[in-house]
Amino acid sequence: MTHLDTIWNQARADLAIVTERGEEDIFLWEHSARIARMACAISRLPDVKRLSPDETAVGAAALYHEAAWRPRIRQEEARRQEVLVRQTPDTHSEQSAMIMEASLGGIVDRDSLDRAVVAVRSLGDRHIESLEGQIVAEADNLDEFGLVGLWTAIRRGALDGKGVQSVIDTWHRRNEYQFWTARLNDSFRFAAVRKLAEARLAEYERLMEVLEDQHRGADIEEALSKALLHPAP
């Protein structure tokens, strides 16, 4: 087992959430693992790599950046269905950093762990000075622009007892208020990552158009119109 495998296995154990039926809810782990993969990839981009980020610190920070959700659920301060959907307290990043430091203290060398701790703590700041923190933040922001972001939107709607129309309405509201334009301008320091976000957003937009058409049955209406105009002989 490699050093990185040990970190990932420890994080997997630390982020496991058990459902009421004793099964495993993987939503938090899946998100954290996805952000870690993206963050490590971002750290290897030429414009980022030349800044010499600590990739071990980047991976550890990304894996644990939302770790405080688990104790909040155990202490019944939040429900597991609220993970990554509801607002977190101001202490969230600090608590996540503490969990990581306690878990990885005997696994990650001190310098990398210190960098990871600073990175996670900085995620609660408006202006992130830590390079490793900036990389994790960019990966987390990039996740919001992809189709995976729709899964979180659906979870939020389901939690509030809303349906597909609510997701569509939120999409239109955000476009009306230039939400995505502002996010593109404010969320990415590295040009290559911003370009990826733009490409993902274009795919997201196409998917939302299809979702809206199918939700209101536009494709069926179109098929019916063609059938009426051109009936079968």
Foldseek 3Di string as FASTA:
>chain_A
DDLVVVLLVLLQVLQWDADPVRHTDCPLQVQLQQLLVQLLVVCPPPVNVVVPDDNLLLNLLSSQLQSQVRVCCVVVVDPPLCRVPDDDDLCRLVVSLVVSCVRCVVRDDPVSNVLNSLLSNQCSPLDRDRSSVLSSQLSSLLCCLAPVVVVSVQSNQVVVVHHDVVSLVVVVVCVVVVVVVVCLVRRDDDPVSSVSSVVRNVVNVVVSVVSVCVVVVVVVVVVVVVCVVPPDD
